[in-house]
Amino acid sequence: MTVESQVKQTLANLKSAQANLENFAFQTQNQQAKQIYTNAAQQTKSVIDFLEPRVNQIESQEPQY
């Protein structure tokens, strides 16, 4: 597995985790849990925002066969 495919897979997993956290926050009635899930989703989004430019950089560097 190439670095590019590993980073893309990690990015996809993070997006899935973020969506799950947002769903948990939406479904719970517990305000403390809702805040925790919302904060975790926001932190995950920050990691996603950091990794997306890296994917573009890797795509432009690795040769295509």
PDB file of N, CA and C in Angstrom:
ATOM      1  N   MET A   1       0.854  -1.176   0.000  1.00  0.00           N
ATOM      2  CA  MET A   1       0.000   0.000   0.000  1.00  0.00           C
ATOM      3  C   MET A   1       0.903   1.244   0.000  1.00  0.00           C
ATOM      4  N   THR A   2       0.606   2.147  -0.885  1.00  0.00           N
ATOM      5  CA  THR A   2       1.428   3.353  -0.989  1.00  0.00           C
ATOM      6  C   THR A   2       1.059   4.352   0.101  1.00  0.00           C
ATOM      7  N   VAL A   3       1.950   5.300   0.303  1.00  0.00           N
ATOM      8  CA  VAL A   3       1.690   6.365   1.274  1.00  0.00           C
ATOM      9  C   VAL A   3       0.425   7.124   0.878  1.00  0.00           C
ATOM     10  N   GLU A   4       0.287   7.372  -0.411  1.00  0.00           N
ATOM     11  CA  GLU A   4      -0.893   8.103  -0.884  1.00  0.00           C
ATOM     12  C   GLU A   4      -2.182   7.365  -0.510  1.00  0.00           C
ATOM     13  N   SER A   5      -2.232   6.076  -0.763  1.00  0.00           N
ATOM     14  CA  SER A   5      -3.446   5.331  -0.458  1.00  0.00           C
ATOM     15  C   SER A   5      -3.675   5.237   1.048  1.00  0.00           C
ATOM     16  N   GLN A   6      -2.607   5.167   1.826  1.00  0.00           N
ATOM     17  CA  GLN A   6      -2.751   5.121   3.282  1.00  0.00           C
ATOM     18  C   GLN A   6      -3.306   6.435   3.824  1.00  0.00           C
ATOM     19  N   VAL A   7      -2.808   7.546   3.313  1.00  0.00           N
ATOM     20  CA  VAL A   7      -3.289   8.854   3.768  1.00  0.00           C
ATOM     21  C   VAL A   7      -4.744   9.054   3.338  1.00  0.00           C
ATOM     22  N   LYS A   8      -5.074   8.635   2.113  1.00  0.00           N
ATOM     23  CA  LYS A   8      -6.459   8.746   1.650  1.00  0.00           C
ATOM     24  C   LYS A   8      -7.397   7.892   2.498  1.00  0.00           C
ATOM     25  N   GLN A   9      -6.960   6.690   2.848  1.00  0.00           N
ATOM     26  CA  GLN A   9      -7.779   5.819   3.689  1.00  0.00           C
ATOM     27  C   GLN A   9      -7.959   6.420   5.080  1.00  0.00           C
ATOM     28  N   THR A  10      -6.882   6.972   5.614  1.00  0.00           N
ATOM     29  CA  THR A  10      -6.959   7.627   6.923  1.00  0.00           C
ATOM     30  C   THR A  10      -7.938   8.796   6.875  1.00  0.00           C
ATOM     31  N   LEU A  11      -7.878   9.571   5.812  1.00  0.00           N
ATOM     32  CA  LEU A  11      -8.781  10.710   5.649  1.00  0.00           C
ATOM     33  C   LEU A  11     -10.238  10.240   5.575  1.00  0.00           C
ATOM     34  N   ALA A  12     -10.491   9.182   4.837  1.00  0.00           N
ATOM     35  CA  ALA A  12     -11.846   8.633   4.744  1.00  0.00           C
ATOM     36  C   ALA A  12     -12.335   8.146   6.107  1.00  0.00           C
ATOM     37  N   ASN A  13     -11.454   7.489   6.858  1.00  0.00           N
ATOM     38  CA  ASN A  13     -11.820   7.016   8.192  1.00  0.00           C
ATOM     39  C   ASN A  13     -12.128   8.177   9.133  1.00  0.00           C
ATOM     40  N   LEU A  14     -11.344   9.231   9.037  1.00  0.00           N
ATOM     41  CA  LEU A  14     -11.577  10.405   9.877  1.00  0.00           C
ATOM     42  C   LEU A  14     -12.919  11.069   9.548  1.00  0.00           C
ATOM     43  N   LYS A  15     -13.237  11.151   8.264  1.00  0.00           N
ATOM     44  CA  LYS A  15     -14.514  11.738   7.863  1.00  0.00           C
ATOM     45  C   LYS A  15     -15.681  10.889   8.380  1.00  0.00           C
ATOM     46  N   SER A  16     -15.505   9.586   8.340  1.00  0.00           N
ATOM     47  CA  SER A  16     -16.533   8.690   8.881  1.00  0.00           C
ATOM     48  C   SER A  16     -16.682   8.889  10.386  1.00  0.00           C
ATOM     49  N   ALA A  17     -15.564   8.980  11.083  1.00  0.00           N
ATOM     50  CA  ALA A  17     -15.600   9.188  12.533  1.00  0.00           C
ATOM     51  C   ALA A  17     -16.267  10.520  12.872  1.00  0.00           C
ATOM     52  N   GLN A  18     -15.964  11.548  12.101  1.00  0.00           N
ATOM     53  CA  GLN A  18     -16.573  12.852  12.342  1.00  0.00           C
ATOM     54  C   GLN A  18     -18.090  12.772  12.167  1.00  0.00           C
ATOM     55  N   ALA A  19     -18.525  12.101  11.118  1.00  0.00           N
ATOM     56  CA  ALA A  19     -19.956  11.963  10.878  1.00  0.00           C
ATOM     57  C   ALA A  19     -20.624  11.185  12.018  1.00  0.00           C
ATOM     58  N   ASN A  20     -19.972  10.146  12.499  1.00  0.00           N
ATOM     59  CA  ASN A  20     -20.516   9.377  13.624  1.00  0.00           C
ATOM     60  C   ASN A  20     -20.647  10.240  14.877  1.00  0.00           C
ATOM     61  N   LEU A  21     -19.621  11.025  15.160  1.00  0.00           N
ATOM     62  CA  LEU A  21     -19.653  11.891  16.336  1.00  0.00           C
ATOM     63  C   LEU A  21     -20.770  12.921  16.237  1.00  0.00           C
ATOM     64  N   GLU A  22     -20.937  13.499  15.049  1.00  0.00           N
ATOM     65  CA  GLU A  22     -22.014  14.472  14.850  1.00  0.00           C
ATOM     66  C   GLU A  22     -23.373  13.802  15.028  1.00  0.00           C
ATOM     67  N   ASN A  23     -23.495  12.558  14.560  1.00  0.00           N
ATOM     68  CA  ASN A  23     -24.746  11.816  14.717  1.00  0.00           C
ATOM     69  C   ASN A  23     -25.024  11.514  16.187  1.00  0.00           C
ATOM     70  N   PHE A  24     -23.989  11.112  16.919  1.00  0.00           N
ATOM     71  CA  PHE A  24     -24.149  10.858  18.347  1.00  0.00           C
ATOM     72  C   PHE A  24     -24.607  12.128  19.072  1.00  0.00           C
ATOM     73  N   ALA A  25     -23.994  13.252  18.723  1.00  0.00           N
ATOM     74  CA  ALA A  25     -24.357  14.523  19.351  1.00  0.00           C
ATOM     75  C   ALA A  25     -25.817  14.862  19.060  1.00  0.00           C
ATOM     76  N   PHE A  26     -26.252  14.581  17.861  1.00  0.00           N
ATOM     77  CA  PHE A  26     -27.635  14.869  17.474  1.00  0.00           C
ATOM     78  C   PHE A  26     -28.624  13.977  18.219  1.00  0.00           C
ATOM     79  N   GLN A  27     -28.245  12.719  18.422  1.00  0.00           N
ATOM     80  CA  GLN A  27     -29.178  11.749  18.997  1.00  0.00           C
ATOM     81  C   GLN A  27     -29.301  11.814  20.515  1.00  0.00           C
ATOM     82  N   THR A  28     -28.262  12.258  21.190  1.00  0.00           N
ATOM     83  CA  THR A  28     -28.300  12.213  22.652  1.00  0.00           C
ATOM     84  C   THR A  28     -29.113  13.365  23.236  1.00  0.00           C
ATOM     85  N   GLN A  29     -29.736  13.090  24.364  1.00  0.00           N
ATOM     86  CA  GLN A  29     -30.465  14.115  25.094  1.00  0.00           C
ATOM     87  C   GLN A  29     -29.605  14.718  26.206  1.00  0.00           C
ATOM     88  N   ASN A  30     -28.524  14.034  26.546  1.00  0.00           N
ATOM     89  CA  ASN A  30     -27.620  14.469  27.606  1.00  0.00           C
ATOM     90  C   ASN A  30     -26.762  15.625  27.085  1.00  0.00           C
ATOM     91  N   GLN A  31     -26.924  16.795  27.686  1.00  0.00           N
ATOM     92  CA  GLN A  31     -26.226  17.983  27.196  1.00  0.00           C
ATOM     93  C   GLN A  31     -24.710  17.885  27.341  1.00  0.00           C
ATOM     94  N   GLN A  32     -24.252  17.256  28.399  1.00  0.00           N
ATOM     95  CA  GLN A  32     -22.806  17.102  28.586  1.00  0.00           C
ATOM     96  C   GLN A  32     -22.235  16.186  27.506  1.00  0.00           C
ATOM     97  N   ALA A  33     -22.904  15.083  27.239  1.00  0.00           N
ATOM     98  CA  ALA A  33     -22.462  14.163  26.190  1.00  0.00           C
ATOM     99  C   ALA A  33     -22.521  14.850  24.826  1.00  0.00           C
ATOM    100  N   LYS A  34     -23.586  15.613  24.602  1.00  0.00           N
ATOM    101  CA  LYS A  34     -23.721  16.342  23.331  1.00  0.00           C
ATOM    102  C   LYS A  34     -22.528  17.275  23.119  1.00  0.00           C
ATOM    103  N   GLN A  35     -22.119  17.979  24.159  1.00  0.00           N
ATOM    104  CA  GLN A  35     -20.984  18.894  24.058  1.00  0.00           C
ATOM    105  C   GLN A  35     -19.681  18.135  23.795  1.00  0.00           C
ATOM    106  N   ILE A  36     -19.518  17.017  24.462  1.00  0.00           N
ATOM    107  CA  ILE A  36     -18.309  16.203  24.261  1.00  0.00           C
ATOM    108  C   ILE A  36     -18.234  15.708  22.819  1.00  0.00           C
ATOM    109  N   TYR A  37     -19.354  15.165  22.307  1.00  0.00           N
ATOM    110  CA  TYR A  37     -19.384  14.673  20.926  1.00  0.00           C
ATOM    111  C   TYR A  37     -19.145  15.804  19.924  1.00  0.00           C
ATOM    112  N   THR A  38     -19.752  16.955  20.193  1.00  0.00           N
ATOM    113  CA  THR A  38     -19.580  18.100  19.294  1.00  0.00           C
ATOM    114  C   THR A  38     -18.126  18.563  19.280  1.00  0.00           C
ATOM    115  N   ASN A  39     -17.505  18.651  20.449  1.00  0.00           N
ATOM    116  CA  ASN A  39     -16.096  19.045  20.516  1.00  0.00           C
ATOM    117  C   ASN A  39     -15.201  18.043  19.807  1.00  0.00           C
ATOM    118  N   ALA A  40     -15.477  16.769  19.994  1.00  0.00           N
ATOM    119  CA  ALA A  40     -14.674  15.732  19.339  1.00  0.00           C
ATOM    120  C   ALA A  40     -14.829  15.806  17.819  1.00  0.00           C
ATOM    121  N   ALA A  41     -16.042  16.071  17.351  1.00  0.00           N
ATOM    122  CA  ALA A  41     -16.278  16.211  15.912  1.00  0.00           C
ATOM    123  C   ALA A  41     -15.519  17.417  15.355  1.00  0.00           C
ATOM    124  N   GLN A  42     -15.486  18.507  16.117  1.00  0.00           N
ATOM    125  CA  GLN A  42     -14.761  19.701  15.674  1.00  0.00           C
ATOM    126  C   GLN A  42     -13.260  19.447  15.635  1.00  0.00           C
ATOM    127  N   GLN A  43     -12.744  18.731  16.615  1.00  0.00           N
ATOM    128  CA  GLN A  43     -11.321  18.405  16.629  1.00  0.00           C
ATOM    129  C   GLN A  43     -10.972  17.482  15.465  1.00  0.00           C
ATOM    130  N   THR A  44     -11.846  16.544  15.185  1.00  0.00           N
ATOM    131  CA  THR A  44     -11.631  15.644  14.055  1.00  0.00           C
ATOM    132  C   THR A  44     -11.623  16.433  12.757  1.00  0.00           C
ATOM    133  N   LYS A  45     -12.521  17.399  12.636  1.00  0.00           N
ATOM    134  CA  LYS A  45     -12.565  18.255  11.439  1.00  0.00           C
ATOM    135  C   LYS A  45     -11.258  19.027  11.279  1.00  0.00           C
ATOM    136  N   SER A  46     -10.664  19.459  12.369  1.00  0.00           N
ATOM    137  CA  SER A  46      -9.379  20.159  12.305  1.00  0.00           C
ATOM    138  C   SER A  46      -8.294  19.252  11.730  1.00  0.00           C
ATOM    139  N   VAL A  47      -8.296  17.997  12.127  1.00  0.00           N
ATOM    140  CA  VAL A  47      -7.315  17.038  11.602  1.00  0.00           C
ATOM    141  C   VAL A  47      -7.575  16.808  10.113  1.00  0.00           C
ATOM    142  N   ILE A  48      -8.844  16.684   9.737  1.00  0.00           N
ATOM    143  CA  ILE A  48      -9.206  16.509   8.324  1.00  0.00           C
ATOM    144  C   ILE A  48      -8.711  17.701   7.502  1.00  0.00           C
ATOM    145  N   ASP A  49      -8.966  18.898   8.009  1.00  0.00           N
ATOM    146  CA  ASP A  49      -8.534  20.114   7.304  1.00  0.00           C
ATOM    147  C   ASP A  49      -7.021  20.176   7.164  1.00  0.00           C
ATOM    148  N   PHE A  50      -6.306  19.609   8.111  1.00  0.00           N
ATOM    149  CA  PHE A  50      -4.841  19.567   8.050  1.00  0.00           C
ATOM    150  C   PHE A  50      -4.366  18.544   7.018  1.00  0.00           C
ATOM    151  N   LEU A  51      -5.048  17.407   6.940  1.00  0.00           N
ATOM    152  CA  LEU A  51      -4.598  16.324   6.058  1.00  0.00           C
ATOM    153  C   LEU A  51      -4.974  16.521   4.589  1.00  0.00           C
ATOM    154  N   GLU A  52      -6.084  17.180   4.312  1.00  0.00           N
ATOM    155  CA  GLU A  52      -6.522  17.311   2.923  1.00  0.00           C
ATOM    156  C   GLU A  52      -5.483  17.974   2.014  1.00  0.00           C
ATOM    157  N   PRO A  53      -4.840  19.064   2.421  1.00  0.00           N
ATOM    158  CA  PRO A  53      -3.794  19.632   1.561  1.00  0.00           C
ATOM    159  C   PRO A  53      -2.614  18.668   1.376  1.00  0.00           C
ATOM    160  N   ARG A  54      -2.350  17.857   2.387  1.00  0.00           N
ATOM    161  CA  ARG A  54      -1.259  16.878   2.292  1.00  0.00           C
ATOM    162  C   ARG A  54      -1.563  15.839   1.213  1.00  0.00           C
ATOM    163  N   VAL A  55      -2.807  15.428   1.102  1.00  0.00           N
ATOM    164  CA  VAL A  55      -3.197  14.484   0.049  1.00  0.00           C
ATOM    165  C   VAL A  55      -2.918  15.097  -1.317  1.00  0.00           C
ATOM    166  N   ASN A  56      -3.294  16.348  -1.498  1.00  0.00           N
ATOM    167  CA  ASN A  56      -3.047  17.030  -2.770  1.00  0.00           C
ATOM    168  C   ASN A  56      -1.555  17.117  -3.066  1.00  0.00           C
ATOM    169  N   GLN A  57      -0.782  17.386  -2.027  1.00  0.00           N
ATOM    170  CA  GLN A  57       0.665  17.474  -2.199  1.00  0.00           C
ATOM    171  C   GLN A  57       1.242  16.119  -2.603  1.00  0.00           C
ATOM    172  N   ILE A  58       0.820  15.072  -1.956  1.00  0.00           N
ATOM    173  CA  ILE A  58       1.306  13.731  -2.266  1.00  0.00           C
ATOM    174  C   ILE A  58       0.909  13.339  -3.685  1.00  0.00           C
ATOM    175  N   GLU A  59      -0.317  13.648  -4.081  1.00  0.00           N
ATOM    176  CA  GLU A  59      -0.789  13.320  -5.430  1.00  0.00           C
ATOM    177  C   GLU A  59       0.067  13.994  -6.500  1.00  0.00           C
ATOM    178  N   SER A  60       0.492  15.198  -6.235  1.00  0.00           N
ATOM    179  CA  SER A  60       1.293  15.911  -7.232  1.00  0.00           C
ATOM    180  C   SER A  60       2.752  15.442  -7.253  1.00  0.00           C
ATOM    181  N   GLN A  61       3.190  14.790  -6.191  1.00  0.00           N
ATOM    182  CA  GLN A  61       4.577  14.339  -6.116  1.00  0.00           C
ATOM    183  C   GLN A  61       4.786  12.932  -6.621  1.00  0.00           C
ATOM    184  N   GLU A  62       3.828  12.047  -6.378  1.00  0.00           N
ATOM    185  CA  GLU A  62       4.005  10.648  -6.754  1.00  0.00           C
ATOM    186  C   GLU A  62       3.685  10.452  -8.236  1.00  0.00           C
ATOM    187  N   PRO A  63       4.538   9.700  -8.934  1.00  0.00           N
ATOM    188  CA  PRO A  63       4.281   9.456 -10.344  1.00  0.00           C
ATOM    189  C   PRO A  63       3.045   8.564 -10.534  1.00  0.00           C
ATOM    190  N   GLN A  64       2.327   8.793 -11.614  1.00  0.00           N
ATOM    191  CA  GLN A  64       1.158   8.007 -11.943  1.00  0.00           C
ATOM    192  C   GLN A  64       1.529   6.963 -13.001  1.00  0.00           C
ATOM    193  N   TYR A  65       1.125   5.747 -12.779  1.00  0.00           N
ATOM    194  CA  TYR A  65       1.447   4.665 -13.726  1.00  0.00           C
ATOM    195  C   TYR A  65       0.222   4.206 -14.434  1.00  0.00           C
TER     196      TYR A  65
END
